[in-house]
Amino acid sequence: MRKILFIGGTGTISAAVTRRMARDPGWEVWLLNRGKRAAALPEGVKQIVADIHDEEDVKAKLSGLSFDAVADFIAFRVEDVERDWRLFAGRTGQYLFTSSASAYRKPAGDYLVTEGTTLSNPHWLYSRNKIACEEFLMKKYREEGFPVTVVRPSLTYDERNIPFAMMGRGGCWTVLKRMLDGKPVLVHGDGSSLWQVTFNEDFARGYAALPGNPRAVGEAFHITGDEVLTWDQIYKTAADALGVSFLPYHVSSDFLAAAGKKDGMDLEGNLTGDKAVSVVFDNTKIKRLAPDMRTTVPFRDGVERVLSYLESHPGAKVVDEAFDRWCDRVIEAQEEAKKSFLV
């Protein structure tokens, strides 16, 4: 039986991958994390309780162990992948790094994004850090044969949260409550730019084809659902599921980024550096290795799952009062600007 180690393994993306790989009789799944969500682990999963940032402790706990694949879902900076290289070079047959599709150049030269699209994002430090991680790892692959595979998720969600472009702290409930209260909802731009959202189970379907696959070594793959929606459609789908009218209030991304900056929100990265432009991902490359990769949870069904979860977990209905007030202020400012222009 082959062994795979997940660093993390309990987050939105990684939990679905853990569950899928744990069902595969050909793999023995190990997790390395702080052990705070042990009760949620699938049966048979082995756990190493450690903080990956404590390199010496992790090194001691890995003594005598080797893996066919190691996947890090929580590496965000070059220092993180440098540490992983020190820990796992010679200890694993493959290292999978979770990057981000936000690393692709915005706006790209073509709306259709492939793995060959240039990596460049001057608007978001998060994306630039991911690019730097990729560059370090690929350098190690070219110079030393370190067996890296890069995975670039886009906007991936689970049953706990609808992936709105802006929602404040605590998740999607603040936006949903505005809909239920008959209040307008901020939508960046004119709501017509294209986007793809991916339910985590569908992401895992593609990801599971990469560990242990020699055709994946030295390569990068983005993994997204096939459903292409406008942002207005994304928000309207949620309103329809709630049984209320969708009242969009469209504001330019630049204005939202400037308004958000005053309140400590990095909307320049989130919008200008990611969601403000139309993006359609060409999934041809991952489908060559994962022929069954497809959207099995359309967004409409994903929204229904989230609403069902929120009804059964009332504690998850968290309202970010500051974000709610900020939305009202932005709308008021735009209305005042319209009046001044008309005068």
C-alpha atoms as a PDB file:
ATOM      1  CA  MET A   1       0.000   0.000   0.000  1.00  0.00           C
ATOM      2  CA  ARG A   2       1.256   3.478  -0.905  1.00  0.00           C
ATOM      3  CA  LYS A   3       1.463   6.170   1.776  1.00  0.00           C
ATOM      4  CA  ILE A   4       0.512   9.834   1.422  1.00  0.00           C
ATOM      5  CA  LEU A   5       1.025  12.560   4.009  1.00  0.00           C
ATOM      6  CA  PHE A   6      -1.180  15.647   4.028  1.00  0.00           C
ATOM      7  CA  ILE A   7       0.099  18.726   5.821  1.00  0.00           C
ATOM      8  CA  GLY A   8      -3.176  20.205   6.989  1.00  0.00           C
ATOM      9  CA  GLY A   9      -5.885  17.945   5.668  1.00  0.00           C
ATOM     10  CA  THR A  10      -8.935  19.373   7.459  1.00  0.00           C
ATOM     11  CA  GLY A  11      -9.644  22.621   5.577  1.00  0.00           C
ATOM     12  CA  THR A  12     -12.254  23.371   2.932  1.00  0.00           C
ATOM     13  CA  ILE A  13     -10.194  21.913   0.101  1.00  0.00           C
ATOM     14  CA  SER A  14      -8.024  19.409   1.907  1.00  0.00           C
ATOM     15  CA  ALA A  15     -10.806  17.754   3.931  1.00  0.00           C
ATOM     16  CA  ALA A  16     -12.522  16.632   0.723  1.00  0.00           C
ATOM     17  CA  VAL A  17      -9.217  15.312  -0.650  1.00  0.00           C
ATOM     18  CA  THR A  18      -8.549  13.477   2.623  1.00  0.00           C
ATOM     19  CA  ARG A  19     -11.965  11.808   2.507  1.00  0.00           C
ATOM     20  CA  ARG A  20     -11.571  10.757  -1.113  1.00  0.00           C
ATOM     21  CA  MET A  21      -8.052   9.397  -0.705  1.00  0.00           C
ATOM     22  CA  ALA A  22      -9.064   7.570   2.500  1.00  0.00           C
ATOM     23  CA  ARG A  23     -11.652   5.627   0.479  1.00  0.00           C
ATOM     24  CA  ASP A  24      -8.988   4.434  -1.949  1.00  0.00           C
ATOM     25  CA  PRO A  25      -7.746   0.998  -0.818  1.00  0.00           C
ATOM     26  CA  GLY A  26      -4.449   1.626  -2.570  1.00  0.00           C
ATOM     27  CA  TRP A  27      -3.481   4.486  -0.265  1.00  0.00           C
ATOM     28  CA  GLU A  28      -2.679   4.785   3.441  1.00  0.00           C
ATOM     29  CA  VAL A  29      -3.473   8.361   4.441  1.00  0.00           C
ATOM     30  CA  TRP A  30      -1.512  10.281   7.079  1.00  0.00           C
ATOM     31  CA  LEU A  31      -2.157  13.811   8.326  1.00  0.00           C
ATOM     32  CA  LEU A  32       0.306  16.182   9.950  1.00  0.00           C
ATOM     33  CA  ASN A  33      -1.442  18.982  11.807  1.00  0.00           C
ATOM     34  CA  ARG A  34      -2.125  20.295  15.298  1.00  0.00           C
ATOM     35  CA  GLY A  35      -4.825  17.691  15.924  1.00  0.00           C
ATOM     36  CA  LYS A  36      -7.642  20.133  16.640  1.00  0.00           C
ATOM     37  CA  ARG A  37     -10.146  18.390  14.344  1.00  0.00           C
ATOM     38  CA  ALA A  38      -9.261  14.753  14.998  1.00  0.00           C
ATOM     39  CA  ALA A  39     -12.905  13.791  15.578  1.00  0.00           C
ATOM     40  CA  ALA A  40     -13.756  14.660  11.969  1.00  0.00           C
ATOM     41  CA  LEU A  41     -11.122  12.397  10.400  1.00  0.00           C
ATOM     42  CA  PRO A  42     -12.217   9.457   8.225  1.00  0.00           C
ATOM     43  CA  GLU A  43     -11.718   6.003   9.639  1.00  0.00           C
ATOM     44  CA  GLY A  44      -8.242   4.581   9.136  1.00  0.00           C
ATOM     45  CA  VAL A  45      -6.451   7.909   8.737  1.00  0.00           C
ATOM     46  CA  LYS A  46      -3.238   8.115  10.749  1.00  0.00           C
ATOM     47  CA  GLN A  47      -2.205  11.353  12.404  1.00  0.00           C
ATOM     48  CA  ILE A  48       1.035  13.031  13.388  1.00  0.00           C
ATOM     49  CA  VAL A  49       0.205  15.790  15.854  1.00  0.00           C
ATOM     50  CA  ALA A  50       2.654  18.635  15.342  1.00  0.00           C
ATOM     51  CA  ASP A  51       2.910  22.244  14.256  1.00  0.00           C
ATOM     52  CA  ILE A  52       4.563  22.195  10.819  1.00  0.00           C
ATOM     53  CA  HIS A  53       6.232  25.519  11.685  1.00  0.00           C
ATOM     54  CA  ASP A  54       8.193  23.752  14.457  1.00  0.00           C
ATOM     55  CA  GLU A  55      10.671  22.180  12.075  1.00  0.00           C
ATOM     56  CA  GLU A  56      12.803  20.376  14.634  1.00  0.00           C
ATOM     57  CA  ASP A  57       9.813  18.749  16.318  1.00  0.00           C
ATOM     58  CA  VAL A  58       8.382  17.682  12.960  1.00  0.00           C
ATOM     59  CA  LYS A  59      11.725  16.299  11.872  1.00  0.00           C
ATOM     60  CA  ALA A  60      11.896  14.203  15.048  1.00  0.00           C
ATOM     61  CA  LYS A  61       8.374  12.883  14.586  1.00  0.00           C
ATOM     62  CA  LEU A  62       9.063  11.964  10.959  1.00  0.00           C
ATOM     63  CA  SER A  63      12.114   9.916  11.944  1.00  0.00           C
ATOM     64  CA  GLY A  64      12.059   6.566  10.164  1.00  0.00           C
ATOM     65  CA  LEU A  65       9.069   7.502   7.980  1.00  0.00           C
ATOM     66  CA  SER A  66       8.952   7.935   4.229  1.00  0.00           C
ATOM     67  CA  PHE A  67       6.054   8.546   1.876  1.00  0.00           C
ATOM     68  CA  ASP A  68       5.114   7.983  -1.718  1.00  0.00           C
ATOM     69  CA  ALA A  69       3.594  11.464  -1.745  1.00  0.00           C
ATOM     70  CA  VAL A  70       3.489  14.504   0.535  1.00  0.00           C
ATOM     71  CA  ALA A  71       0.950  17.292  -0.025  1.00  0.00           C
ATOM     72  CA  ASP A  72       1.097  20.662   1.707  1.00  0.00           C
ATOM     73  CA  PHE A  73      -2.204  22.562   1.754  1.00  0.00           C
ATOM     74  CA  ILE A  74      -1.110  25.342   4.124  1.00  0.00           C
ATOM     75  CA  ALA A  75       2.167  26.639   2.669  1.00  0.00           C
ATOM     76  CA  PHE A  76       1.792  30.320   1.776  1.00  0.00           C
ATOM     77  CA  ARG A  77       5.323  31.761   1.746  1.00  0.00           C
ATOM     78  CA  VAL A  78       8.707  30.789   0.341  1.00  0.00           C
ATOM     79  CA  GLU A  79       9.916  30.032   3.866  1.00  0.00           C
ATOM     80  CA  ASP A  80       7.214  27.359   4.113  1.00  0.00           C
ATOM     81  CA  VAL A  81       8.239  25.459   0.993  1.00  0.00           C
ATOM     82  CA  GLU A  82      11.940  25.866   1.810  1.00  0.00           C
ATOM     83  CA  ARG A  83      11.182  24.124   5.110  1.00  0.00           C
ATOM     84  CA  ASP A  84       9.231  21.386   3.330  1.00  0.00           C
ATOM     85  CA  TRP A  85      12.102  20.841   0.922  1.00  0.00           C
ATOM     86  CA  ARG A  86      14.480  20.396   3.863  1.00  0.00           C
ATOM     87  CA  LEU A  87      12.091  17.989   5.588  1.00  0.00           C
ATOM     88  CA  PHE A  88      11.016  15.866   2.643  1.00  0.00           C
ATOM     89  CA  ALA A  89      13.787  15.850   0.037  1.00  0.00           C
ATOM     90  CA  GLY A  90      14.767  12.185  -0.140  1.00  0.00           C
ATOM     91  CA  ARG A  91      11.802  11.205   2.046  1.00  0.00           C
ATOM     92  CA  THR A  92       9.011  11.340  -0.571  1.00  0.00           C
ATOM     93  CA  GLY A  93       8.485  10.230  -4.142  1.00  0.00           C
ATOM     94  CA  GLN A  94       6.373  13.304  -4.880  1.00  0.00           C
ATOM     95  CA  TYR A  95       5.651  16.669  -3.277  1.00  0.00           C
ATOM     96  CA  LEU A  96       2.357  18.400  -4.121  1.00  0.00           C
ATOM     97  CA  PHE A  97       2.162  22.138  -3.487  1.00  0.00           C
ATOM     98  CA  THR A  98      -1.204  23.881  -3.270  1.00  0.00           C
ATOM     99  CA  SER A  99      -0.789  27.172  -5.101  1.00  0.00           C
ATOM    100  CA  SER A 100      -3.620  29.406  -6.351  1.00  0.00           C
ATOM    101  CA  ALA A 101      -5.254  30.238  -9.665  1.00  0.00           C
ATOM    102  CA  SER A 102      -5.148  33.868  -8.533  1.00  0.00           C
ATOM    103  CA  ALA A 103      -1.466  33.733  -9.486  1.00  0.00           C
ATOM    104  CA  TYR A 104      -2.396  33.988 -13.167  1.00  0.00           C
ATOM    105  CA  ARG A 105      -1.892  37.396 -14.762  1.00  0.00           C
ATOM    106  CA  LYS A 106      -4.840  39.750 -14.281  1.00  0.00           C
ATOM    107  CA  PRO A 107      -6.172  40.637 -16.718  1.00  0.00           C
ATOM    108  CA  ALA A 108      -4.831  37.811 -18.818  1.00  0.00           C
ATOM    109  CA  GLY A 109      -4.178  38.232 -22.517  1.00  0.00           C
ATOM    110  CA  ASP A 110      -7.024  35.794 -23.184  1.00  0.00           C
ATOM    111  CA  TYR A 111     -10.143  35.105 -21.105  1.00  0.00           C
ATOM    112  CA  LEU A 112      -9.437  31.358 -21.447  1.00  0.00           C
ATOM    113  CA  VAL A 113      -6.793  30.423 -18.892  1.00  0.00           C
ATOM    114  CA  THR A 114      -4.463  27.455 -19.327  1.00  0.00           C
ATOM    115  CA  GLU A 115      -1.567  26.324 -17.181  1.00  0.00           C
ATOM    116  CA  GLY A 116       0.696  28.164 -19.600  1.00  0.00           C
ATOM    117  CA  THR A 117      -0.885  31.536 -18.822  1.00  0.00           C
ATOM    118  CA  THR A 118       1.692  33.933 -17.363  1.00  0.00           C
ATOM    119  CA  LEU A 119       1.944  34.123 -13.577  1.00  0.00           C
ATOM    120  CA  SER A 120       1.846  37.744 -12.411  1.00  0.00           C
ATOM    121  CA  ASN A 121      -0.308  39.599  -9.921  1.00  0.00           C
ATOM    122  CA  PRO A 122       0.777  43.108  -8.861  1.00  0.00           C
ATOM    123  CA  HIS A 123      -2.474  43.594  -6.932  1.00  0.00           C
ATOM    124  CA  TRP A 124      -2.278  40.784  -4.359  1.00  0.00           C
ATOM    125  CA  LEU A 125       0.637  39.852  -2.107  1.00  0.00           C
ATOM    126  CA  TYR A 126      -0.971  36.472  -1.403  1.00  0.00           C
ATOM    127  CA  SER A 127      -0.724  35.583  -5.095  1.00  0.00           C
ATOM    128  CA  ARG A 128       2.833  36.867  -5.427  1.00  0.00           C
ATOM    129  CA  ASN A 129       3.861  34.721  -2.464  1.00  0.00           C
ATOM    130  CA  LYS A 130       2.344  31.678  -4.150  1.00  0.00           C
ATOM    131  CA  ILE A 131       4.235  32.508  -7.352  1.00  0.00           C
ATOM    132  CA  ALA A 132       7.485  32.763  -5.394  1.00  0.00           C
ATOM    133  CA  CYS A 133       6.791  29.348  -3.835  1.00  0.00           C
ATOM    134  CA  GLU A 134       6.242  27.824  -7.268  1.00  0.00           C
ATOM    135  CA  GLU A 135       9.458  29.356  -8.575  1.00  0.00           C
ATOM    136  CA  PHE A 136      11.502  27.960  -5.683  1.00  0.00           C
ATOM    137  CA  LEU A 137      10.050  24.477  -6.052  1.00  0.00           C
ATOM    138  CA  MET A 138      10.447  24.344  -9.830  1.00  0.00           C
ATOM    139  CA  LYS A 139      14.050  25.475  -9.452  1.00  0.00           C
ATOM    140  CA  LYS A 140      14.638  22.565  -7.085  1.00  0.00           C
ATOM    141  CA  TYR A 141      12.950  20.241  -9.570  1.00  0.00           C
ATOM    142  CA  ARG A 142      15.124  21.428 -12.464  1.00  0.00           C
ATOM    143  CA  GLU A 143      18.394  21.479 -10.526  1.00  0.00           C
ATOM    144  CA  GLU A 144      17.981  18.570  -8.095  1.00  0.00           C
ATOM    145  CA  GLY A 145      15.060  16.510  -9.334  1.00  0.00           C
ATOM    146  CA  PHE A 146      12.878  17.363  -6.339  1.00  0.00           C
ATOM    147  CA  PRO A 147       9.613  15.717  -7.497  1.00  0.00           C
ATOM    148  CA  VAL A 148       7.166  18.627  -7.299  1.00  0.00           C
ATOM    149  CA  THR A 149       3.612  18.895  -8.607  1.00  0.00           C
ATOM    150  CA  VAL A 150       1.846  22.281  -8.454  1.00  0.00           C
ATOM    151  CA  VAL A 151      -1.925  22.460  -7.992  1.00  0.00           C
ATOM    152  CA  ARG A 152      -3.826  25.728  -8.531  1.00  0.00           C
ATOM    153  CA  PRO A 153      -7.351  25.798  -7.096  1.00  0.00           C
ATOM    154  CA  SER A 154      -9.676  28.651  -7.871  1.00  0.00           C
ATOM    155  CA  LEU A 155     -12.736  29.604  -5.778  1.00  0.00           C
ATOM    156  CA  THR A 156     -13.486  26.282  -4.036  1.00  0.00           C
ATOM    157  CA  TYR A 157     -16.217  25.970  -1.411  1.00  0.00           C
ATOM    158  CA  ASP A 158     -18.026  23.393   0.728  1.00  0.00           C
ATOM    159  CA  GLU A 159     -21.403  23.009   2.403  1.00  0.00           C
ATOM    160  CA  ARG A 160     -20.569  25.630   5.033  1.00  0.00           C
ATOM    161  CA  ASN A 161     -20.214  28.738   2.880  1.00  0.00           C
ATOM    162  CA  ILE A 162     -21.453  30.254  -0.392  1.00  0.00           C
ATOM    163  CA  PRO A 163     -18.449  31.784  -2.198  1.00  0.00           C
ATOM    164  CA  PHE A 164     -19.601  35.369  -2.650  1.00  0.00           C
ATOM    165  CA  ALA A 165     -16.963  37.845  -3.810  1.00  0.00           C
ATOM    166  CA  MET A 166     -17.402  39.976  -0.671  1.00  0.00           C
ATOM    167  CA  MET A 167     -18.985  38.807   2.563  1.00  0.00           C
ATOM    168  CA  GLY A 168     -17.173  40.111   5.615  1.00  0.00           C
ATOM    169  CA  ARG A 169     -16.046  38.025   8.559  1.00  0.00           C
ATOM    170  CA  GLY A 170     -17.928  34.895   9.541  1.00  0.00           C
ATOM    171  CA  GLY A 171     -18.901  33.714   6.080  1.00  0.00           C
ATOM    172  CA  CYS A 172     -21.834  34.220   3.755  1.00  0.00           C
ATOM    173  CA  TRP A 173     -24.660  34.768   6.241  1.00  0.00           C
ATOM    174  CA  THR A 174     -24.351  38.574   6.297  1.00  0.00           C
ATOM    175  CA  VAL A 175     -25.010  38.693   2.549  1.00  0.00           C
ATOM    176  CA  LEU A 176     -27.844  36.161   2.817  1.00  0.00           C
ATOM    177  CA  LYS A 177     -29.443  38.151   5.620  1.00  0.00           C
ATOM    178  CA  ARG A 178     -29.330  41.313   3.517  1.00  0.00           C
ATOM    179  CA  MET A 179     -31.209  39.386   0.837  1.00  0.00           C
ATOM    180  CA  LEU A 180     -33.772  38.140   3.361  1.00  0.00           C
ATOM    181  CA  ASP A 181     -34.199  41.669   4.725  1.00  0.00           C
ATOM    182  CA  GLY A 182     -34.863  43.048   1.243  1.00  0.00           C
ATOM    183  CA  LYS A 183     -31.665  45.110   1.222  1.00  0.00           C
ATOM    184  CA  PRO A 184     -29.524  45.623  -1.894  1.00  0.00           C
ATOM    185  CA  VAL A 185     -26.416  43.483  -2.212  1.00  0.00           C
ATOM    186  CA  LEU A 186     -23.090  44.859  -3.443  1.00  0.00           C
ATOM    187  CA  VAL A 187     -21.829  43.235  -6.635  1.00  0.00           C
ATOM    188  CA  HIS A 188     -18.533  44.333  -8.146  1.00  0.00           C
ATOM    189  CA  GLY A 189     -18.480  45.762 -11.659  1.00  0.00           C
ATOM    190  CA  ASP A 190     -21.664  45.324 -13.652  1.00  0.00           C
ATOM    191  CA  GLY A 191     -22.139  41.724 -12.531  1.00  0.00           C
ATOM    192  CA  SER A 192     -21.542  40.314 -16.011  1.00  0.00           C
ATOM    193  CA  SER A 193     -17.929  39.120 -15.700  1.00  0.00           C
ATOM    194  CA  LEU A 194     -17.521  35.346 -15.885  1.00  0.00           C
ATOM    195  CA  TRP A 195     -16.324  33.097 -13.093  1.00  0.00           C
ATOM    196  CA  GLN A 196     -16.096  29.455 -12.060  1.00  0.00           C
ATOM    197  CA  VAL A 197     -16.806  28.102  -8.603  1.00  0.00           C
ATOM    198  CA  THR A 198     -15.972  24.548  -7.551  1.00  0.00           C
ATOM    199  CA  PHE A 199     -17.504  22.376  -4.859  1.00  0.00           C
ATOM    200  CA  ASN A 200     -14.737  20.730  -2.842  1.00  0.00           C
ATOM    201  CA  GLU A 201     -15.869  17.189  -3.685  1.00  0.00           C
ATOM    202  CA  ASP A 202     -15.451  17.922  -7.389  1.00  0.00           C
ATOM    203  CA  PHE A 203     -12.021  19.424  -6.750  1.00  0.00           C
ATOM    204  CA  ALA A 204     -11.011  16.248  -4.906  1.00  0.00           C
ATOM    205  CA  ARG A 205     -12.098  14.154  -7.879  1.00  0.00           C
ATOM    206  CA  GLY A 206      -9.426  15.803 -10.015  1.00  0.00           C
ATOM    207  CA  TYR A 207      -6.797  16.064  -7.287  1.00  0.00           C
ATOM    208  CA  ALA A 208      -6.929  12.333  -6.519  1.00  0.00           C
ATOM    209  CA  ALA A 209      -5.468  11.573  -9.957  1.00  0.00           C
ATOM    210  CA  LEU A 210      -2.195  13.366  -9.161  1.00  0.00           C
ATOM    211  CA  PRO A 211      -0.539  11.595  -6.178  1.00  0.00           C
ATOM    212  CA  GLY A 212       1.685   8.771  -7.328  1.00  0.00           C
ATOM    213  CA  ASN A 213       1.262   9.703 -10.979  1.00  0.00           C
ATOM    214  CA  PRO A 214       4.641  10.111 -12.722  1.00  0.00           C
ATOM    215  CA  ARG A 215       2.983  12.215 -15.442  1.00  0.00           C
ATOM    216  CA  ALA A 216       2.189  14.847 -12.803  1.00  0.00           C
ATOM    217  CA  VAL A 217       5.767  15.366 -11.601  1.00  0.00           C
ATOM    218  CA  GLY A 218       7.310  18.634 -12.749  1.00  0.00           C
ATOM    219  CA  GLU A 219       3.904  19.882 -13.906  1.00  0.00           C
ATOM    220  CA  ALA A 220       1.272  22.402 -12.797  1.00  0.00           C
ATOM    221  CA  PHE A 221      -2.487  21.831 -12.917  1.00  0.00           C
ATOM    222  CA  HIS A 222      -5.457  24.006 -12.136  1.00  0.00           C
ATOM    223  CA  ILE A 223      -8.575  22.177 -11.009  1.00  0.00           C
ATOM    224  CA  THR A 224     -11.982  23.829 -11.274  1.00  0.00           C
ATOM    225  CA  GLY A 225     -15.558  22.950 -12.057  1.00  0.00           C
ATOM    226  CA  ASP A 226     -16.820  23.325 -15.620  1.00  0.00           C
ATOM    227  CA  GLU A 227     -19.818  25.525 -14.807  1.00  0.00           C
ATOM    228  CA  VAL A 228     -19.287  29.124 -15.951  1.00  0.00           C
ATOM    229  CA  LEU A 229     -21.463  31.787 -14.303  1.00  0.00           C
ATOM    230  CA  THR A 230     -21.649  35.562 -14.177  1.00  0.00           C
ATOM    231  CA  TRP A 231     -21.381  37.148 -10.747  1.00  0.00           C
ATOM    232  CA  ASP A 232     -24.999  38.290 -11.013  1.00  0.00           C
ATOM    233  CA  GLN A 233     -25.969  34.663 -11.622  1.00  0.00           C
ATOM    234  CA  ILE A 234     -23.970  33.548  -8.595  1.00  0.00           C
ATOM    235  CA  TYR A 235     -25.758  35.980  -6.304  1.00  0.00           C
ATOM    236  CA  LYS A 236     -29.161  35.444  -7.928  1.00  0.00           C
ATOM    237  CA  THR A 237     -28.886  31.692  -7.472  1.00  0.00           C
ATOM    238  CA  ALA A 238     -28.617  32.277  -3.726  1.00  0.00           C
ATOM    239  CA  ALA A 239     -31.545  34.717  -3.714  1.00  0.00           C
ATOM    240  CA  ASP A 240     -33.684  32.276  -5.685  1.00  0.00           C
ATOM    241  CA  ALA A 241     -32.857  29.491  -3.221  1.00  0.00           C
ATOM    242  CA  LEU A 242     -33.963  31.771  -0.382  1.00  0.00           C
ATOM    243  CA  GLY A 243     -37.163  32.591  -2.254  1.00  0.00           C
ATOM    244  CA  VAL A 244     -36.489  36.344  -2.302  1.00  0.00           C
ATOM    245  CA  SER A 245     -35.851  38.971  -4.960  1.00  0.00           C
ATOM    246  CA  PHE A 246     -32.289  39.645  -6.004  1.00  0.00           C
ATOM    247  CA  LEU A 247     -31.514  43.349  -5.570  1.00  0.00           C
ATOM    248  CA  PRO A 248     -27.997  43.897  -6.959  1.00  0.00           C
ATOM    249  CA  TYR A 249     -26.183  47.163  -6.410  1.00  0.00           C
ATOM    250  CA  HIS A 250     -23.318  47.363  -8.907  1.00  0.00           C
ATOM    251  CA  VAL A 251     -20.207  49.310  -7.936  1.00  0.00           C
ATOM    252  CA  SER A 252     -16.871  49.481  -9.750  1.00  0.00           C
ATOM    253  CA  SER A 253     -14.147  47.260  -8.329  1.00  0.00           C
ATOM    254  CA  ASP A 254     -11.775  50.221  -8.069  1.00  0.00           C
ATOM    255  CA  PHE A 255     -14.242  52.157  -5.912  1.00  0.00           C
ATOM    256  CA  LEU A 256     -14.871  49.110  -3.706  1.00  0.00           C
ATOM    257  CA  ALA A 257     -11.134  48.547  -3.291  1.00  0.00           C
ATOM    258  CA  ALA A 258     -10.614  52.174  -2.234  1.00  0.00           C
ATOM    259  CA  ALA A 259     -13.608  52.113   0.125  1.00  0.00           C
ATOM    260  CA  GLY A 260     -12.501  48.813   1.610  1.00  0.00           C
ATOM    261  CA  LYS A 261      -8.979  50.062   2.220  1.00  0.00           C
ATOM    262  CA  LYS A 262     -10.330  52.719   4.572  1.00  0.00           C
ATOM    263  CA  ASP A 263     -11.836  49.952   6.694  1.00  0.00           C
ATOM    264  CA  GLY A 264      -8.863  47.588   6.570  1.00  0.00           C
ATOM    265  CA  MET A 265     -10.244  45.269   3.883  1.00  0.00           C
ATOM    266  CA  ASP A 266      -7.932  44.104   1.083  1.00  0.00           C
ATOM    267  CA  LEU A 267     -10.423  44.248  -1.751  1.00  0.00           C
ATOM    268  CA  GLU A 268      -7.789  45.293  -4.261  1.00  0.00           C
ATOM    269  CA  GLY A 269      -6.289  41.820  -4.052  1.00  0.00           C
ATOM    270  CA  ASN A 270      -9.599  39.996  -3.830  1.00  0.00           C
ATOM    271  CA  LEU A 271     -11.278  41.953  -6.641  1.00  0.00           C
ATOM    272  CA  THR A 272      -8.762  43.757  -8.893  1.00  0.00           C
ATOM    273  CA  GLY A 273      -6.246  40.950  -8.419  1.00  0.00           C
ATOM    274  CA  ASP A 274      -8.708  38.126  -8.884  1.00  0.00           C
ATOM    275  CA  LYS A 275     -12.467  38.357  -9.351  1.00  0.00           C
ATOM    276  CA  ALA A 276     -12.961  41.615 -11.265  1.00  0.00           C
ATOM    277  CA  VAL A 277     -12.103  40.181 -14.678  1.00  0.00           C
ATOM    278  CA  SER A 278     -13.697  37.358 -16.617  1.00  0.00           C
ATOM    279  CA  VAL A 279     -11.867  34.081 -16.133  1.00  0.00           C
ATOM    280  CA  VAL A 280     -12.655  30.714 -17.702  1.00  0.00           C
ATOM    281  CA  PHE A 281     -10.336  27.839 -16.916  1.00  0.00           C
ATOM    282  CA  ASP A 282      -9.408  25.273 -19.536  1.00  0.00           C
ATOM    283  CA  ASN A 283      -9.349  21.973 -17.621  1.00  0.00           C
ATOM    284  CA  THR A 284      -8.046  19.877 -20.500  1.00  0.00           C
ATOM    285  CA  LYS A 285      -4.742  19.111 -18.774  1.00  0.00           C
ATOM    286  CA  ILE A 286      -6.159  17.721 -15.516  1.00  0.00           C
ATOM    287  CA  LYS A 287      -8.795  15.752 -17.424  1.00  0.00           C
ATOM    288  CA  ARG A 288      -6.063  13.889 -19.287  1.00  0.00           C
ATOM    289  CA  LEU A 289      -5.051  12.388 -15.939  1.00  0.00           C
ATOM    290  CA  ALA A 290      -8.534  12.353 -14.387  1.00  0.00           C
ATOM    291  CA  PRO A 291     -10.995  11.332 -17.133  1.00  0.00           C
ATOM    292  CA  ASP A 292     -13.889  11.296 -14.637  1.00  0.00           C
ATOM    293  CA  MET A 293     -13.210  14.913 -13.599  1.00  0.00           C
ATOM    294  CA  ARG A 294     -16.475  16.821 -14.013  1.00  0.00           C
ATOM    295  CA  THR A 295     -18.949  18.972 -12.133  1.00  0.00           C
ATOM    296  CA  THR A 296     -21.163  16.665 -10.072  1.00  0.00           C
ATOM    297  CA  VAL A 297     -22.385  19.418  -7.732  1.00  0.00           C
ATOM    298  CA  PRO A 298     -23.756  22.281  -9.853  1.00  0.00           C
ATOM    299  CA  PHE A 299     -23.733  25.643  -8.081  1.00  0.00           C
ATOM    300  CA  ARG A 300     -27.490  25.552  -7.610  1.00  0.00           C
ATOM    301  CA  ASP A 301     -27.164  22.286  -5.659  1.00  0.00           C
ATOM    302  CA  GLY A 302     -24.159  23.590  -3.749  1.00  0.00           C
ATOM    303  CA  VAL A 303     -26.170  26.598  -2.570  1.00  0.00           C
ATOM    304  CA  GLU A 304     -28.952  24.299  -1.374  1.00  0.00           C
ATOM    305  CA  ARG A 305     -26.389  22.306   0.605  1.00  0.00           C
ATOM    306  CA  VAL A 306     -25.117  25.469   2.265  1.00  0.00           C
ATOM    307  CA  LEU A 307     -28.605  26.637   3.198  1.00  0.00           C
ATOM    308  CA  SER A 308     -29.382  23.211   4.645  1.00  0.00           C
ATOM    309  CA  TYR A 309     -26.166  23.333   6.680  1.00  0.00           C
ATOM    310  CA  LEU A 310     -26.969  26.797   8.015  1.00  0.00           C
ATOM    311  CA  GLU A 311     -30.444  25.693   9.086  1.00  0.00           C
ATOM    312  CA  SER A 312     -29.026  22.763  11.016  1.00  0.00           C
ATOM    313  CA  HIS A 313     -26.146  24.843  12.453  1.00  0.00           C
ATOM    314  CA  PRO A 314     -27.726  28.105  13.640  1.00  0.00           C
ATOM    315  CA  GLY A 315     -24.447  29.068  15.304  1.00  0.00           C
ATOM    316  CA  ALA A 316     -22.997  29.478  11.805  1.00  0.00           C
ATOM    317  CA  LYS A 317     -25.427  32.303  11.063  1.00  0.00           C
ATOM    318  CA  VAL A 318     -22.926  34.999  11.977  1.00  0.00           C
ATOM    319  CA  VAL A 319     -23.702  38.589  11.032  1.00  0.00           C
ATOM    320  CA  ASP A 320     -20.718  40.864  10.509  1.00  0.00           C
ATOM    321  CA  GLU A 321     -22.322  44.114  11.606  1.00  0.00           C
ATOM    322  CA  ALA A 322     -19.313  46.178  10.503  1.00  0.00           C
ATOM    323  CA  PHE A 323     -19.425  44.722   6.992  1.00  0.00           C
ATOM    324  CA  ASP A 324     -23.192  45.208   6.820  1.00  0.00           C
ATOM    325  CA  ARG A 325     -22.827  48.889   7.761  1.00  0.00           C
ATOM    326  CA  TRP A 326     -19.964  49.269   5.279  1.00  0.00           C
ATOM    327  CA  CYS A 327     -22.224  47.990   2.481  1.00  0.00           C
ATOM    328  CA  ASP A 328     -24.853  50.574   3.442  1.00  0.00           C
ATOM    329  CA  ARG A 329     -22.247  53.364   3.472  1.00  0.00           C
ATOM    330  CA  VAL A 330     -20.936  52.408   0.033  1.00  0.00           C
ATOM    331  CA  ILE A 331     -24.443  52.420  -1.399  1.00  0.00           C
ATOM    332  CA  GLU A 332     -25.219  55.771   0.239  1.00  0.00           C
ATOM    333  CA  ALA A 333     -21.995  57.268  -1.138  1.00  0.00           C
ATOM    334  CA  GLN A 334     -22.822  56.055  -4.635  1.00  0.00           C
ATOM    335  CA  GLU A 335     -26.344  57.471  -4.444  1.00  0.00           C
ATOM    336  CA  GLU A 336     -25.011  60.846  -3.290  1.00  0.00           C
ATOM    337  CA  ALA A 337     -22.510  60.832  -6.146  1.00  0.00           C
ATOM    338  CA  LYS A 338     -25.309  60.170  -8.622  1.00  0.00           C
ATOM    339  CA  LYS A 339     -27.317  63.097  -7.260  1.00  0.00           C
ATOM    340  CA  SER A 340     -24.316  65.437  -7.487  1.00  0.00           C
ATOM    341  CA  PHE A 341     -23.653  64.348 -11.056  1.00  0.00           C
ATOM    342  CA  LEU A 342     -27.258  64.946 -12.090  1.00  0.00           C
ATOM    343  CA  VAL A 343     -27.231  68.408 -10.512  1.00  0.00           C
END
